[in-house]
Protein backbone atom coordinates (compact mmCIF):
# COMPACT_ATOMS: atom_id res chain seq x y z
CA MET A 1 168.30 279.87 -143.81
CA PRO A 2 166.12 278.00 -141.03
CA THR A 3 163.54 275.64 -142.62
CA SER A 4 161.47 275.13 -139.39
CA SER A 5 160.07 277.01 -136.62
CA PRO A 6 162.21 277.29 -133.43
CA LEU A 7 161.14 274.48 -131.09
CA PHE A 8 158.80 275.43 -128.17
CA ASN A 9 160.97 275.59 -124.98
CA ILE A 10 158.89 274.76 -121.99
CA ASN A 11 161.79 275.65 -119.63
CA GLU A 12 161.28 279.40 -120.57
CA LEU A 13 157.99 279.09 -118.49
CA THR A 14 157.94 279.48 -114.73
CA ASP A 15 157.59 276.46 -112.70
CA GLU A 16 153.99 276.96 -111.98
CA GLN A 17 153.31 277.71 -115.73
CA GLN A 18 155.20 274.57 -116.72
CA LYS A 19 152.93 272.39 -114.44
CA LYS A 20 149.71 274.02 -115.84
CA PHE A 21 151.11 273.52 -119.46
CA GLU A 22 151.73 269.90 -118.86
CA ILE A 23 148.34 269.28 -117.39
CA VAL A 24 146.66 270.80 -120.41
CA TYR A 25 148.93 269.07 -122.84
CA LYS A 26 148.30 265.52 -121.32
CA GLU A 27 144.53 266.20 -120.97
CA LEU A 28 144.07 267.10 -124.68
CA GLN A 29 146.45 264.66 -126.13
CA THR A 30 143.65 262.42 -127.41
CA ASN A 31 141.64 265.21 -128.84
CA TYR A 32 144.71 266.52 -130.51
CA THR A 33 145.51 263.04 -132.06
CA SER A 34 141.91 262.93 -133.47
CA TYR A 35 142.12 266.40 -134.83
CA ILE A 36 145.53 265.69 -136.69
CA GLU A 37 143.88 262.59 -138.18
CA PHE A 38 141.20 264.60 -139.40
CA LYS A 39 143.43 267.15 -140.75
CA GLY A 40 145.40 264.48 -142.64
CA SER A 41 142.04 263.13 -144.11
CA LEU A 42 141.55 266.54 -145.87
CA GLN A 43 144.33 265.68 -148.21
CA LEU A 44 145.80 269.12 -148.43
CA LYS A 45 148.07 270.05 -151.17
CA ASN A 46 150.86 270.84 -148.77
CA PRO A 47 151.35 267.76 -146.61
CA MET A 48 151.65 268.01 -143.00
CA GLU A 49 154.96 267.64 -141.26
CA GLN A 50 154.20 265.78 -137.98
CA GLU A 51 157.11 267.25 -135.91
CA GLU A 52 156.21 270.84 -136.97
CA GLU A 53 152.59 270.27 -136.35
CA GLU A 54 153.44 269.05 -132.82
CA ASN A 55 155.60 272.10 -132.33
CA GLU A 56 152.87 274.51 -133.52
CA TRP A 57 150.45 272.65 -131.13
CA GLN A 58 152.61 273.49 -128.17
CA TYR A 59 152.80 277.14 -129.09
CA GLN A 60 148.94 277.03 -129.56
CA LEU A 61 148.46 275.67 -126.06
CA TYR A 62 150.66 278.40 -124.73
CA ARG A 63 148.69 281.06 -126.60
CA PHE A 64 145.42 279.73 -125.01
CA LEU A 65 146.79 279.45 -121.65
CA ARG A 66 147.80 283.15 -121.71
CA ALA A 67 144.69 284.19 -123.26
CA ARG A 68 142.57 282.31 -120.46
CA LYS A 69 144.84 283.76 -117.75
CA TRP A 70 146.29 280.46 -117.10
CA ASN A 71 143.00 278.97 -115.83
CA ILE A 72 143.45 275.24 -116.71
CA GLU A 73 139.51 274.47 -116.89
CA HIS A 74 138.83 277.55 -119.05
CA THR A 75 141.84 276.79 -121.34
CA ILE A 76 140.84 273.15 -121.86
CA LYS A 77 137.20 274.08 -122.53
CA SER A 78 138.37 276.80 -125.06
CA ILE A 79 140.67 274.53 -126.92
CA LEU A 80 138.12 271.64 -127.14
CA GLU A 81 135.60 274.18 -128.61
CA MET A 82 138.26 275.40 -131.08
CA LEU A 83 139.23 272.07 -132.28
CA LYS A 84 135.61 271.03 -132.84
CA TRP A 85 135.05 274.26 -134.57
CA ARG A 86 137.85 273.82 -136.86
CA MET A 87 136.83 270.35 -137.77
CA ASP A 88 133.02 271.23 -138.29
CA ASN A 89 133.96 274.03 -140.61
CA ARG A 90 137.01 272.45 -142.27
CA VAL A 91 138.99 275.52 -141.55
CA ASP A 92 142.31 273.82 -142.47
CA ALA A 93 141.29 273.45 -145.97
CA ILE A 94 140.11 277.08 -146.43
CA LEU A 95 143.15 278.44 -147.98
CA GLU A 96 142.80 275.78 -150.81
CA GLN A 97 139.28 276.58 -151.86
CA GLU A 98 139.20 278.32 -154.98
CA LYS A 99 135.73 279.85 -154.60
CA ILE A 100 136.87 281.61 -151.51
CA ALA A 101 140.12 282.77 -153.11
CA GLU A 102 138.11 284.23 -155.84
CA ARG A 103 135.75 286.01 -153.38
CA MET A 104 138.64 287.36 -151.62
CA ALA A 105 140.04 288.77 -155.07
CA THR A 106 136.59 290.41 -155.73
CA LEU A 107 136.40 291.88 -152.06
CA ARG A 108 139.86 293.34 -152.61
CA LYS A 109 138.50 295.49 -155.36
CA ILE A 110 135.97 296.95 -152.85
CA VAL A 111 138.30 297.12 -149.87
CA PRO A 112 141.71 298.29 -150.85
CA ASN A 113 144.41 296.42 -148.96
CA ALA A 114 147.80 295.07 -149.10
CA ASN A 115 150.04 292.49 -147.38
CA HIS A 116 153.02 294.82 -146.78
CA GLY A 117 156.01 293.14 -145.29
CA TYR A 118 156.83 293.06 -141.59
CA THR A 119 156.99 295.19 -138.53
CA LYS A 120 160.25 295.48 -136.61
CA ALA A 121 158.94 292.69 -134.48
CA ASP A 122 158.72 290.62 -137.56
CA ARG A 123 154.93 290.27 -137.56
CA PRO A 124 153.31 290.17 -141.01
CA LEU A 125 151.76 293.50 -141.80
CA TYR A 126 148.46 294.15 -143.17
CA ILE A 127 147.26 297.66 -144.31
CA GLU A 128 143.60 298.48 -145.25
CA LYS A 129 142.04 301.66 -146.43
CA SER A 130 138.90 300.97 -144.52
CA GLY A 131 137.44 304.44 -144.81
CA ILE A 132 136.85 304.37 -148.44
CA ILE A 133 135.01 301.24 -148.90
CA SER A 134 131.69 301.08 -150.29
CA VAL A 135 129.50 299.53 -147.51
CA ASP A 136 126.31 299.17 -149.70
CA LYS A 137 128.42 297.52 -152.48
CA ILE A 138 129.83 295.02 -150.09
CA LEU A 139 126.57 294.14 -148.51
CA SER A 140 124.98 293.83 -152.07
CA SER A 141 127.68 291.68 -153.35
CA PHE A 142 128.22 289.25 -150.61
CA GLN A 143 126.11 287.23 -148.22
CA HIS A 144 126.94 287.67 -144.41
CA ASP A 145 128.32 284.01 -144.26
CA ASP A 146 130.44 284.76 -147.31
CA LEU A 147 132.22 287.63 -145.58
CA ILE A 148 132.82 285.51 -142.49
CA GLU A 149 134.49 282.94 -144.70
CA CYS A 150 136.58 285.73 -146.11
CA HIS A 151 137.61 286.68 -142.53
CA LEU A 152 138.44 283.06 -141.80
CA TYR A 153 140.55 282.97 -144.97
CA TRP A 154 142.43 286.12 -143.81
CA LEU A 155 143.06 284.73 -140.39
CA GLU A 156 144.46 281.51 -141.78
CA LEU A 157 146.61 283.32 -144.26
CA TYR A 158 148.17 285.59 -141.71
CA SER A 159 148.64 282.66 -139.40
CA GLN A 160 150.38 280.86 -142.12
CA LEU A 161 152.57 284.05 -142.95
CA ALA A 162 153.51 284.02 -139.25
CA ARG A 163 154.56 280.49 -139.35
CA GLN A 164 156.60 281.03 -142.58
CA ARG A 165 158.32 284.13 -140.89
CA SER A 166 159.27 281.89 -137.97
CA ARG A 167 161.07 279.46 -140.48
CA GLN A 168 162.75 282.36 -142.28
CA ILE A 169 164.34 284.13 -139.30
CA GLY A 170 164.64 281.34 -136.94
CA LYS A 171 162.55 283.03 -134.24
CA HIS A 172 159.02 282.20 -133.29
CA VAL A 173 156.51 284.72 -134.66
CA GLU A 174 152.88 284.01 -133.63
CA SER A 175 151.14 287.39 -134.25
CA PHE A 176 150.46 289.85 -136.96
CA ALA A 177 149.97 293.59 -137.30
CA ILE A 178 147.20 295.65 -138.85
CA VAL A 179 146.87 299.28 -139.99
CA TYR A 180 143.40 300.51 -140.65
CA ASP A 181 143.24 303.83 -142.47
CA LEU A 182 139.75 305.27 -141.62
CA HIS A 183 140.13 308.40 -143.70
CA GLY A 184 136.78 309.11 -145.44
CA CYS A 185 134.79 306.75 -143.10
CA LYS A 186 131.17 307.43 -142.99
CA LEU A 187 128.25 306.75 -140.57
CA ASP A 188 126.96 304.01 -142.95
CA MET A 189 129.82 302.05 -141.53
CA ARG A 190 127.39 301.10 -138.82
CA LYS A 191 125.88 298.48 -141.18
CA MET A 192 129.02 296.57 -140.83
CA LEU A 193 128.75 296.23 -137.00
CA PRO A 194 127.10 292.86 -136.90
CA LEU A 195 129.75 291.32 -139.04
CA LEU A 196 132.38 293.05 -136.91
CA LYS A 197 130.90 291.63 -133.79
CA GLN A 198 131.02 288.01 -135.09
CA SER A 199 134.49 288.48 -136.50
CA LEU A 200 135.70 289.70 -133.09
CA PHE A 201 133.98 286.62 -131.43
CA ILE A 202 135.94 284.25 -133.72
CA ASP A 203 139.24 286.11 -133.20
CA ASP A 204 138.97 285.96 -129.42
CA ASN A 205 137.64 282.47 -129.24
CA TYR A 206 139.52 280.61 -131.86
CA TYR A 207 142.52 282.72 -132.56
CA PRO A 208 143.60 284.32 -129.15
CA GLU A 209 146.96 286.12 -128.86
CA ARG A 210 147.15 286.31 -132.73
CA LEU A 211 146.77 290.20 -132.88
CA GLY A 212 150.09 291.76 -132.05
CA GLN A 213 149.26 295.35 -132.86
CA LEU A 214 146.49 297.35 -134.39
CA PHE A 215 147.03 300.91 -135.57
CA ILE A 216 143.88 302.96 -136.39
CA ILE A 217 144.86 305.99 -138.37
CA ASN A 218 142.95 309.07 -139.65
CA PRO A 219 140.00 308.47 -137.34
CA PRO A 220 137.09 310.64 -138.54
CA LEU A 221 134.69 312.71 -136.31
CA ILE A 222 132.38 309.80 -136.18
CA PHE A 223 134.98 307.35 -134.92
CA PRO A 224 134.09 307.91 -131.00
CA THR A 225 130.56 307.06 -131.87
CA LEU A 226 131.47 303.76 -133.51
CA TRP A 227 134.12 302.95 -130.94
CA SER A 228 131.61 303.47 -128.03
CA ILE A 229 129.81 300.43 -129.57
CA VAL A 230 132.57 298.25 -130.69
CA LYS A 231 134.75 298.48 -127.38
CA HIS A 232 132.39 296.48 -125.57
CA TRP A 233 133.01 293.46 -127.86
CA VAL A 234 136.88 293.70 -127.56
CA ASP A 235 138.84 291.75 -125.05
CA PRO A 236 140.61 293.88 -122.40
CA VAL A 237 144.01 292.71 -123.39
CA THR A 238 143.30 293.32 -126.99
CA LYS A 239 142.50 296.89 -126.25
CA THR A 240 145.94 297.41 -125.04
CA LYS A 241 147.26 296.48 -128.48
CA ILE A 242 145.07 299.23 -130.24
CA LEU A 243 146.67 302.65 -130.94
CA VAL A 244 144.43 305.40 -132.45
CA LEU A 245 146.56 307.89 -134.16
CA LYS A 246 145.51 311.22 -135.48
CA LYS A 247 146.64 312.82 -138.72
CA GLY A 248 150.03 314.06 -139.44
CA ILE A 249 153.28 313.85 -137.50
CA GLU A 250 151.67 311.65 -134.64
CA THR A 251 150.91 308.98 -137.31
CA THR A 252 154.18 309.06 -139.04
CA THR A 253 156.25 309.14 -135.83
CA THR A 254 154.40 306.34 -134.13
CA LEU A 255 154.13 303.98 -137.14
CA LEU A 256 157.99 304.40 -137.66
CA GLN A 257 158.55 303.31 -133.99
CA TYR A 258 156.99 299.78 -134.92
CA ILE A 259 157.63 299.61 -138.75
CA ASP A 260 160.85 300.28 -140.70
CA ALA A 261 160.55 303.11 -143.21
CA GLU A 262 161.19 300.76 -146.13
CA GLN A 263 158.26 298.52 -145.00
CA LEU A 264 155.97 301.43 -144.79
CA PRO A 265 154.10 303.06 -147.86
CA LYS A 266 155.18 306.76 -148.67
CA GLU A 267 151.73 308.08 -147.79
CA TYR A 268 152.22 307.16 -144.31
CA GLY A 269 155.73 308.49 -143.92
CA GLY A 270 157.69 305.53 -145.10
CA SER A 271 160.04 305.00 -148.08
CA CYS A 272 158.75 301.79 -149.63
CA GLN A 273 160.36 301.00 -152.98
CA SER A 274 159.60 297.30 -153.37
CA CYS A 275 155.95 297.35 -154.49
CA SER A 276 155.14 296.74 -158.07
CA THR A 277 152.61 299.47 -157.89
CA ILE A 278 155.01 302.34 -156.90
CA SER A 279 154.25 304.90 -155.70
CA GLU A 280 150.76 303.51 -154.91
CA CYS A 281 151.33 300.58 -152.39
CA ILE A 282 147.65 300.03 -151.86
CA PRO A 283 145.98 300.60 -155.38
CA VAL A 284 142.37 301.65 -155.24
CA ASP A 285 140.09 300.23 -157.83
CA GLU A 286 138.12 302.97 -159.35
CA LYS A 287 135.29 300.94 -160.77
């Protein structure tokens, strides 16, 4: 079983892309060194492996270059902002902060969700029953900044899961997949829009090209109203990764195109037998 991610291969890029990559790499080398020194000062429980960090850094440059349409100036500016943001907010230590982990556990009781295996493209799969959450309970239980920290925790976790999957299968995995089940969603979801807007800003600016696929299933009648607001905050490339599926056979058929049956809960047309909560893969806290 491979124990490290496949090495970034610059030769897989076109000649023009290679030149741009090398310019960005050389321009940011000093900044990257400073960032790695800072990350080392955090004394994380899982020590860094310099070779693997360097490899992930090259993949990260590649993601930013793609996201910024291979514009060298925009790419360098974006990465410098990202590195400063990570250091200012100590993002690399977030998965080791017990308070945030406890907050995530509390939030999960209000927002039923599960890490549910992988897609056929080996992307870590997250499923959330967004439609049945109590918006008022979330907003009364957490401050806005607390919820943003939870979002960062989730992003870091899934980036880590993608890296782990790369080690397991010997193929680079850089993105994850999401299923949002909106069954039961009510208009009070509008109260969450400021949080969603900031989360999308973070995703686009600091985690570009991390979303591989987003499935929105069981959209309610109010969905077009909500989407008419949200779509203006979503990057055009990200929009192409979003599939809105209606109830019934369309949902099952489409999900099974991307996700093996054994990796999908039975309620969505799969045949999952691996969850400890069989046959309820995503348990709902009734409290």
